[in-house]
Structure formats: structure tokens, C-alpha cells
């Protein structure tokens, strides 16, 4: 009897090769950038070079929660990873300070205390309190943010808005709901600089060995880089161009989900059972395959009537698909 089953897959509702490759590249970029210090540290009451106090959080309007329970920072993508081997390290979130007419109180992380509890959404750079905070209060926190917002294109739909000047937010000490770009919910904003990872429908397969259906597969991935200054764009171009011909390990997202060891939950909170990128790759249970960056080409991205700088980096990924 002939075999009528598909080769290389036995379930439909799983992440297939395209999704595996996209998400692995996001993890690779995120981790690599953090290890070379591509993050910013924010300390309470210390202004940045623009004179902005990035530690001040502002109430965010969110239809899913009671007014004045969600407070957001100017920058999203807070660092939750433990980073070593760099000249300076990220600030570990230790708690939040709420100041009002009765004085200031510090509520330790990661969940507050019996007086005031909260959860931290590291992805969106916001804090969800268990009760309403008086809008006249000042809410501050020390944290670190990732300099680059790295996302998969399918999760960064075109209806998302590019947000400029997030390092110099205007009127952020206003205790009313956010205005300007910050009226757009954080999950619908992409802060700059950003790297958007997009798979394209260009692939090529050739047989790898005799006796089965194993393949050498070439898969194209585009990295769209958008920045507010030429230096950030050029740095990413130079860094990634140097990665040509290198090989990286890929982990199996399906096994990570099944085991419940993904690092961050869907609501942006840290998964207590989660593993970080290096830990995942060190565990052979999660190994998927290796990937070689066979070729990398860079082209310019043009913007008109707006001061943005961009590039498109095309990576030809070479994978060996073993028939199990």
C-alpha cells in the first residue's frame, strides 16, 4: 500500500519551518544585541541627554482594565534577561515608587506587597496595579530597556504605528491619560530603532543524501531595519553583514511551548518556569537543527518627507531537513 501521508509533518496546529526560523532569528538578534550592550539603563529621577526623566510612568487608557490601573513607561521592551560579559549590566527591576500628598511609598518587585500589588508587562513596558492609582500621584521605577525592538513581521502588522522620539517624550509628567503617540496602545506601537523579521516566499531545495527524502533547504529571510538616525542603522548593517557564513543552533518552539518553559508569558510577565536563550540552546531536548547564514546582502530603504533611515538585509539561510 502506498504512503499517502505528508513528509516532515504529522500535525497541522504547530509551528512549521517558516515560523521556527523567524522566531529563532528574533531570539538570536535579541540575545546578541543585549550581549554587546544594546540596552539603556533608567534610574529614578535621573534625566537622559534630552532632559527627559524616563523613569516616570504615565497612566495608559486600556479598555481591558479599570482606569488608572495601567501605567506605562516611555520605552517598551524592558530587559528581563540576565546578561553577563558586558562592560555594564542591565538594571534588574526592583520595585515601583508611588508618590502623593501623603508621601512616597516603595512597593518591591516583582509583585508589590499587601498594600499595593501589581504585575509587570516587560514587553509593553507597563505596570498593572491591582487597584486604581490616584492620577495626581507620581509613579516611578528603575528599569532597563532594549534599544532595538525586534519582532516578527506577522506580529508587527502594517496597522501598527512607528513611534518616533520615544527617548524624548513630550509632557510625560502629565497625570491625565497619555496624549499624542502614547494614545495608541503600546501593543500597536513599534518604537525605533526596530528590526522586523520577515520570511519571503523564495526557497530552494536539493536532495541531501541517498535513501530518503532529506533535503538541503535554502530559505530567504528579510530583516527590515528602521531607525531615527543613520548611526543606529549603519551599526546593525555592519554587525549583521559580519555574520555571513556563520552557523547558529535553532531550538524547537513547539517543544518549548509543550514543556511550558518559554521565557515570557502572553501577558508580558516573566514565566517562573521559563528558560533564557542560552539555557534553551544548552538543552539538547529543545534542539531543532542548525542554520547557516549562506549569504547576506544589504540594500537601502528610502523614506520621503520623513527623517528616518532604513535598510533591508536579506539572509539566505541554509538548513538540512532530516527525514525522521
Protein backbone atom coordinates (compact mmCIF):
# COMPACT_ATOMS: atom_id res chain seq x y z
CA UNK A 1 0.00 0.00 0.00
CA UNK A 2 1.37 3.45 -0.91
CA UNK A 3 2.06 6.02 1.80
CA UNK A 4 -0.31 8.98 1.43
CA UNK A 5 0.95 11.00 4.44
CA UNK A 6 2.86 14.26 4.17
CA UNK A 7 6.63 14.10 4.68
CA UNK A 8 8.16 16.05 7.57
CA UNK A 9 4.97 16.88 9.48
CA UNK A 10 2.39 14.93 11.45
CA UNK A 11 0.31 17.78 12.95
CA UNK A 12 -1.27 20.91 11.47
CA UNK A 13 -1.57 23.14 14.55
CA UNK A 14 2.15 23.55 15.20
CA UNK A 15 4.89 25.99 14.24
CA UNK A 16 6.34 24.85 10.91
CA UNK A 17 9.71 25.73 9.39
CA UNK A 18 8.92 29.34 8.47
CA UNK A 19 7.67 30.26 11.95
CA UNK A 20 10.51 28.33 13.59
CA UNK A 21 13.12 30.21 11.58
CA UNK A 22 11.55 33.65 12.08
CA UNK A 23 11.22 33.28 15.85
CA UNK A 24 14.71 31.82 16.22
CA UNK A 25 16.19 34.77 14.37
CA UNK A 26 14.33 37.16 16.69
CA UNK A 27 15.82 35.34 19.70
CA UNK A 28 19.29 35.33 18.12
CA UNK A 29 19.17 39.06 17.39
CA UNK A 30 17.66 39.98 20.76
CA UNK A 31 20.25 37.97 22.67
CA UNK A 32 23.20 39.10 20.57
CA UNK A 33 22.33 42.78 20.84
CA UNK A 34 21.94 42.57 24.62
CA UNK A 35 25.35 40.89 24.93
CA UNK A 36 27.06 43.81 23.20
CA UNK A 37 25.29 46.37 25.40
CA UNK A 38 22.42 47.46 23.14
CA UNK A 39 20.20 48.46 26.05
CA UNK A 40 19.59 51.57 28.12
CA UNK A 41 19.52 51.88 31.90
CA UNK A 42 16.91 54.13 33.50
CA UNK A 43 17.33 55.24 37.12
CA UNK A 44 14.70 57.09 39.09
CA UNK A 45 14.89 60.88 38.95
CA UNK A 46 17.88 60.92 36.56
CA UNK A 47 17.25 62.62 33.21
CA UNK A 48 18.66 61.44 29.88
CA UNK A 49 20.56 63.57 27.36
CA UNK A 50 17.29 65.08 26.16
CA UNK A 51 16.37 66.19 29.69
CA UNK A 52 13.61 63.59 29.95
CA UNK A 53 13.03 61.59 33.12
CA UNK A 54 12.45 58.16 31.59
CA UNK A 55 11.65 56.65 35.00
CA UNK A 56 8.27 58.42 35.19
CA UNK A 57 5.30 56.24 34.28
CA UNK A 58 2.05 57.65 32.98
CA UNK A 59 -1.50 56.26 33.10
CA UNK A 60 -2.46 54.38 29.94
CA UNK A 61 -6.00 54.11 28.67
CA UNK A 62 -6.84 50.43 28.24
CA UNK A 63 -10.36 49.14 27.64
CA UNK A 64 -9.46 45.80 29.24
CA UNK A 65 -8.70 47.28 32.66
CA UNK A 66 -10.03 49.81 35.16
CA UNK A 67 -8.89 53.39 34.56
CA UNK A 68 -5.61 54.37 36.24
CA UNK A 69 -4.56 50.80 36.95
CA UNK A 70 -2.23 50.53 33.93
CA UNK A 71 0.80 52.86 33.95
CA UNK A 72 3.34 52.86 31.14
CA UNK A 73 6.94 53.98 30.77
CA UNK A 74 8.20 55.96 27.76
CA UNK A 75 10.12 52.92 26.47
CA UNK A 76 8.78 49.41 25.86
CA UNK A 77 10.69 46.11 25.83
CA UNK A 78 12.14 46.07 29.33
CA UNK A 79 15.10 43.76 29.86
CA UNK A 80 14.28 40.66 31.91
CA UNK A 81 17.28 38.56 30.89
CA UNK A 82 20.40 38.02 32.99
CA UNK A 83 23.23 39.45 30.89
CA UNK A 84 26.89 38.91 31.70
CA UNK A 85 30.15 39.63 29.92
CA UNK A 86 29.41 43.27 29.08
CA UNK A 87 31.03 46.45 30.40
CA UNK A 88 27.84 47.40 32.19
CA UNK A 89 24.79 45.32 33.04
CA UNK A 90 21.05 45.98 32.84
CA UNK A 91 19.20 47.23 35.89
CA UNK A 92 17.08 44.50 37.41
CA UNK A 93 13.60 45.80 38.18
CA UNK A 94 13.38 46.03 41.98
CA UNK A 95 10.09 47.81 42.55
CA UNK A 96 7.97 50.89 41.94
CA UNK A 97 7.63 54.14 43.89
CA UNK A 98 4.26 55.87 44.21
CA UNK A 99 4.41 59.45 45.49
CA UNK A 100 1.41 61.54 46.50
CA UNK A 101 0.21 64.11 49.02
CA UNK A 102 0.69 61.59 51.84
CA UNK A 103 4.32 60.95 50.90
CA UNK A 104 6.20 58.32 48.93
CA UNK A 105 5.99 54.55 49.26
CA UNK A 106 8.16 51.89 47.63
CA UNK A 107 6.49 48.64 46.60
CA UNK A 108 9.05 45.89 45.99
CA UNK A 109 9.12 43.79 42.85
CA UNK A 110 8.07 41.67 41.25
CA UNK A 111 4.52 41.78 42.66
CA UNK A 112 4.35 44.54 45.29
CA UNK A 113 3.02 43.81 48.76
CA UNK A 114 -0.21 43.54 50.75
CA UNK A 115 -0.81 47.29 50.48
CA UNK A 116 -0.42 47.51 46.73
CA UNK A 117 0.10 44.64 44.31
CA UNK A 118 0.96 44.68 40.64
CA UNK A 119 2.25 42.71 37.67
CA UNK A 120 4.92 43.81 35.20
CA UNK A 121 4.45 43.62 31.45
CA UNK A 122 8.07 43.60 30.27
CA UNK A 123 7.10 43.51 26.61
CA UNK A 124 4.94 46.64 26.76
CA UNK A 125 6.93 48.45 29.47
CA UNK A 126 3.93 48.85 31.75
CA UNK A 127 2.70 48.01 35.25
CA UNK A 128 -0.78 46.75 36.03
CA UNK A 129 -1.80 47.62 39.61
CA UNK A 130 -4.45 45.70 41.50
CA UNK A 131 -6.29 48.91 42.27
CA UNK A 132 -6.66 52.41 40.84
CA UNK A 133 -3.79 54.84 41.43
CA UNK A 134 -4.76 58.47 42.01
CA UNK A 135 -3.88 60.34 38.83
CA UNK A 136 -2.21 63.11 40.86
CA UNK A 137 0.35 60.58 42.10
CA UNK A 138 3.81 60.25 40.62
CA UNK A 139 4.75 56.69 39.67
CA UNK A 140 8.42 55.95 39.01
CA UNK A 141 10.62 52.89 38.52
CA UNK A 142 14.18 51.99 37.59
CA UNK A 143 14.50 49.56 34.68
CA UNK A 144 16.45 48.76 31.53
CA UNK A 145 15.02 48.73 28.03
CA UNK A 146 16.18 47.02 24.87
CA UNK A 147 17.46 49.55 22.37
CA UNK A 148 16.08 47.64 19.36
CA UNK A 149 12.51 46.46 19.05
CA UNK A 150 12.95 43.10 17.27
CA UNK A 151 9.74 41.47 16.08
CA UNK A 152 8.35 39.01 13.54
CA UNK A 153 6.57 40.79 10.70
CA UNK A 154 3.35 38.83 11.21
CA UNK A 155 3.23 40.21 14.77
CA UNK A 156 4.03 43.72 13.55
CA UNK A 157 1.14 44.20 11.14
CA UNK A 158 1.03 47.28 8.94
CA UNK A 159 -1.63 48.80 11.18
CA UNK A 160 0.98 49.23 13.86
CA UNK A 161 2.42 52.75 14.10
CA UNK A 162 6.08 53.67 14.04
CA UNK A 163 6.74 55.82 17.09
CA UNK A 164 9.45 58.46 16.92
CA UNK A 165 11.03 60.48 19.75
CA UNK A 166 10.37 57.89 22.45
CA UNK A 167 13.68 58.95 24.06
CA UNK A 168 12.33 62.48 24.39
CA UNK A 169 8.64 62.05 25.28
CA UNK A 170 6.72 65.31 25.46
CA UNK A 171 4.67 66.18 28.56
CA UNK A 172 5.10 62.72 30.09
CA UNK A 173 4.65 64.10 33.62
CA UNK A 174 1.04 64.94 32.75
CA UNK A 175 -1.10 62.75 35.02
CA UNK A 176 -4.02 62.54 32.61
CA UNK A 177 -4.24 59.74 30.09
CA UNK A 178 -1.46 59.70 27.52
CA UNK A 179 -1.58 62.02 24.55
CA UNK A 180 -0.05 62.05 21.08
CA UNK A 181 1.64 58.79 20.05
CA UNK A 182 1.04 57.36 23.51
CA UNK A 183 -2.73 57.33 22.96
CA UNK A 184 -2.04 54.37 20.68
CA UNK A 185 -1.93 51.23 22.88
CA UNK A 186 1.64 50.02 23.33
CA UNK A 187 0.90 46.70 21.62
CA UNK A 188 0.10 48.70 18.45
CA UNK A 189 3.27 50.82 18.53
CA UNK A 190 6.72 49.95 17.21
CA UNK A 191 9.40 52.04 18.86
CA UNK A 192 12.54 52.93 16.98
CA UNK A 193 15.07 51.68 16.21
CA UNK A 194 13.45 48.43 15.11
CA UNK A 195 14.30 45.24 13.23
CA UNK A 196 11.35 43.46 11.61
CA UNK A 197 11.97 39.83 10.66
CA UNK A 198 10.01 38.71 7.59
CA UNK A 199 10.07 35.44 5.69
CA UNK A 200 9.60 35.65 1.93
CA UNK A 201 8.26 33.06 -0.48
CA UNK A 202 11.61 32.26 -2.04
CA UNK A 203 13.15 28.90 -1.21
CA UNK A 204 15.15 26.18 -2.93
CA UNK A 205 15.55 22.51 -2.00
CA UNK A 206 18.01 19.89 -3.25
CA UNK A 207 18.42 16.28 -2.09
CA UNK A 208 20.92 15.79 0.72
CA UNK A 209 21.57 12.07 0.74
CA UNK A 210 20.57 8.80 -0.89
CA UNK A 211 17.88 6.55 0.55
CA UNK A 212 15.35 9.04 1.99
CA UNK A 213 13.75 12.44 1.45
CA UNK A 214 16.21 14.55 3.48
CA UNK A 215 16.90 17.95 1.90
CA UNK A 216 19.29 20.86 1.88
CA UNK A 217 16.89 23.78 2.04
CA UNK A 218 17.61 27.45 1.37
CA UNK A 219 15.14 29.84 2.98
CA UNK A 220 15.15 33.61 2.45
CA UNK A 221 14.56 35.96 5.40
CA UNK A 222 14.39 39.76 5.20
CA UNK A 223 15.36 42.00 8.10
CA UNK A 224 13.82 45.46 7.79
CA UNK A 225 15.85 47.97 9.82
CA UNK A 226 14.29 51.37 10.61
CA UNK A 227 16.00 53.98 12.80
CA UNK A 228 15.78 57.66 13.64
CA UNK A 229 19.47 58.20 12.97
CA UNK A 230 21.99 56.92 10.45
CA UNK A 231 24.35 55.58 13.14
CA UNK A 232 21.89 53.00 14.53
CA UNK A 233 21.04 51.76 11.04
CA UNK A 234 24.68 51.55 9.96
CA UNK A 235 25.70 49.69 13.12
CA UNK A 236 23.10 46.98 12.51
CA UNK A 237 24.13 46.73 8.86
CA UNK A 238 27.80 46.29 9.84
CA UNK A 239 27.06 43.83 12.67
CA UNK A 240 24.85 41.55 10.60
CA UNK A 241 26.94 41.76 7.45
CA UNK A 242 29.80 40.29 9.51
CA UNK A 243 27.68 37.23 10.41
CA UNK A 244 27.79 35.86 6.85
CA UNK A 245 28.66 32.12 6.62
CA UNK A 246 28.31 31.57 10.38
CA UNK A 247 26.15 28.76 11.80
CA UNK A 248 23.65 29.04 14.65
CA UNK A 249 21.61 26.45 16.52
CA UNK A 250 17.82 26.55 16.24
CA UNK A 251 15.51 25.49 19.06
CA UNK A 252 12.12 23.84 18.64
CA UNK A 253 9.39 26.30 19.61
CA UNK A 254 6.79 23.53 19.73
CA UNK A 255 8.73 21.64 22.41
CA UNK A 256 9.30 24.85 24.33
CA UNK A 257 5.56 25.56 24.38
CA UNK A 258 4.67 21.97 25.29
CA UNK A 259 7.09 21.98 28.21
CA UNK A 260 5.92 25.38 29.47
CA UNK A 261 9.46 26.76 29.58
CA UNK A 262 9.03 29.75 27.24
CA UNK A 263 10.65 32.78 28.93
CA UNK A 264 7.76 35.27 28.87
CA UNK A 265 4.02 34.68 29.24
CA UNK A 266 1.44 36.03 26.79
CA UNK A 267 0.74 38.99 29.11
CA UNK A 268 4.38 40.08 29.18
CA UNK A 269 5.10 38.72 32.66
CA UNK A 270 8.12 36.52 33.36
CA UNK A 271 7.40 32.79 33.31
CA UNK A 272 8.73 31.37 36.62
CA UNK A 273 9.49 28.10 34.81
CA UNK A 274 10.95 29.84 31.78
CA UNK A 275 14.39 29.36 30.30
CA UNK A 276 16.55 32.05 28.76
CA UNK A 277 18.03 31.77 25.27
CA UNK A 278 21.41 30.32 26.26
CA UNK A 279 19.72 27.81 28.58
CA UNK A 280 17.38 26.69 25.80
CA UNK A 281 20.23 26.11 23.36
CA UNK A 282 22.24 24.25 26.00
CA UNK A 283 19.39 21.76 26.48
CA UNK A 284 19.51 19.07 23.79
CA UNK A 285 15.80 18.32 24.34
CA UNK A 286 14.95 21.54 22.51
CA UNK A 287 17.41 21.23 19.63
CA UNK A 288 15.77 21.50 16.21
CA UNK A 289 18.63 21.81 13.70
CA UNK A 290 21.45 24.12 12.71
CA UNK A 291 21.20 27.04 10.32
CA UNK A 292 23.99 28.55 8.23
CA UNK A 293 23.83 32.12 7.00
CA UNK A 294 24.96 31.21 3.49
CA UNK A 295 24.75 34.73 2.11
CA UNK A 296 23.86 38.21 3.40
CA UNK A 297 23.09 41.21 1.19
CA UNK A 298 22.10 44.72 2.27
CA UNK A 299 20.11 47.30 0.35
CA UNK A 300 18.99 50.82 1.19
CA UNK A 301 15.44 51.67 2.25
CA UNK A 302 14.26 55.10 1.12
CA UNK A 303 11.95 57.42 3.09
CA UNK A 304 10.48 60.61 1.72
CA UNK A 305 9.39 63.68 3.70
CA UNK A 306 10.23 61.98 6.99
CA UNK A 307 13.56 61.81 8.81
CA UNK A 308 14.04 58.07 9.04
CA UNK A 309 16.88 55.78 7.97
CA UNK A 310 16.37 52.21 6.86
CA UNK A 311 17.80 49.17 5.16
CA UNK A 312 16.70 45.72 4.09
CA UNK A 313 19.03 42.85 4.94
CA UNK A 314 18.43 39.63 3.03
CA UNK A 315 19.74 36.44 4.62
CA UNK A 316 19.91 33.19 2.69
CA UNK A 317 19.56 30.51 5.38
CA UNK A 318 20.81 27.01 4.63
CA UNK A 319 19.22 24.18 6.63
CA UNK A 320 19.41 20.42 6.45
CA UNK A 321 15.95 18.87 6.80
CA UNK A 322 16.39 15.31 8.01
CA UNK A 323 13.64 12.81 7.31
CA UNK A 324 12.90 11.15 10.64
